[in-house]
């Protein structure tokens, strides 16, 4: 799995589903990281209090979020 890590907001995005709704557009490029290491992601979550972005964890989730916003 490929991930995009926003070190400014401490959020982990799934690269293939990340988009504008995730809110990383204003994050400077030196605070962004692209990785594919699951162990590193787990370490960030457990030791550094990073969280997975609720908007891009799967295509299905992003469709559900859009439906809620439109309602």
Protein backbone atom coordinates (compact mmCIF):
# COMPACT_ATOMS: atom_id res chain seq x y z
CA UNK A 1 0.00 0.00 0.00
CA UNK A 2 1.26 3.46 -0.83
CA UNK A 3 0.77 6.19 1.73
CA UNK A 4 1.09 9.95 1.80
CA UNK A 5 2.03 11.32 5.22
CA UNK A 6 1.20 14.90 6.15
CA UNK A 7 3.68 15.64 8.93
CA UNK A 8 2.24 19.11 9.56
CA UNK A 9 -1.25 17.81 10.42
CA UNK A 10 -0.08 14.36 11.55
CA UNK A 11 -2.36 12.56 9.11
CA UNK A 12 -1.80 9.42 7.08
CA UNK A 13 -3.51 9.25 3.69
CA UNK A 14 -3.91 6.39 1.27
CA UNK A 15 -2.23 7.80 -1.79
CA UNK A 16 -4.68 6.38 -4.32
CA UNK A 17 -7.71 7.97 -2.60
CA UNK A 18 -6.20 11.23 -1.29
CA UNK A 19 -7.75 14.40 -2.64
CA UNK A 20 -8.73 17.97 -1.89
CA UNK A 21 -11.24 16.96 0.78
CA UNK A 22 -8.36 15.59 2.87
CA UNK A 23 -7.13 19.12 3.59
CA UNK A 24 -3.42 18.73 2.82
CA UNK A 25 -3.28 21.28 -0.01
CA UNK A 26 -1.74 23.94 2.26
CA UNK A 27 0.90 21.61 3.73
CA UNK A 28 4.40 22.60 2.57
CA UNK A 29 6.17 20.01 0.42
CA UNK A 30 8.93 19.59 3.00
CA UNK A 31 6.27 18.36 5.45
CA UNK A 32 4.97 15.69 3.03
CA UNK A 33 6.26 12.14 2.66
CA UNK A 34 5.35 9.29 0.31
CA UNK A 35 5.99 5.81 1.69
CA UNK A 36 4.93 2.20 1.24
CA UNK A 37 5.97 0.75 4.60
CA UNK A 38 3.08 -0.51 6.76
CA UNK A 39 5.34 -0.83 9.82
CA UNK A 40 6.31 2.86 9.58
CA UNK A 41 2.64 3.85 9.39
CA UNK A 42 1.87 1.77 12.48
CA UNK A 43 4.80 3.36 14.30
CA UNK A 44 3.55 6.86 13.48
CA UNK A 45 0.09 5.97 14.79
CA UNK A 46 1.26 4.34 18.01
CA UNK A 47 4.29 6.43 18.96
CA UNK A 48 3.70 9.81 17.33
CA UNK A 49 -0.13 10.13 17.62
CA UNK A 50 -0.70 10.32 13.85
CA UNK A 51 -4.18 9.45 12.62
CA UNK A 52 -5.48 7.98 9.39
CA UNK A 53 -7.42 10.47 7.33
CA UNK A 54 -11.14 9.63 7.46
CA UNK A 55 -11.68 10.88 3.90
CA UNK A 56 -9.33 8.61 1.96
CA UNK A 57 -9.15 5.20 3.60
CA UNK A 58 -11.15 3.60 0.80
CA UNK A 59 -13.20 4.50 -2.22
CA UNK A 60 -16.31 3.28 -0.44
CA UNK A 61 -15.70 5.53 2.55
CA UNK A 62 -15.20 8.59 0.36
CA UNK A 63 -18.53 7.90 -1.40
CA UNK A 64 -20.25 7.59 2.00
CA UNK A 65 -18.71 10.88 3.16
CA UNK A 66 -19.87 12.69 0.00
CA UNK A 67 -23.39 11.36 0.48
CA UNK A 68 -23.48 12.70 4.04
CA UNK A 69 -22.24 16.12 2.92
CA UNK A 70 -24.88 16.34 0.18
CA UNK A 71 -27.71 15.38 2.54
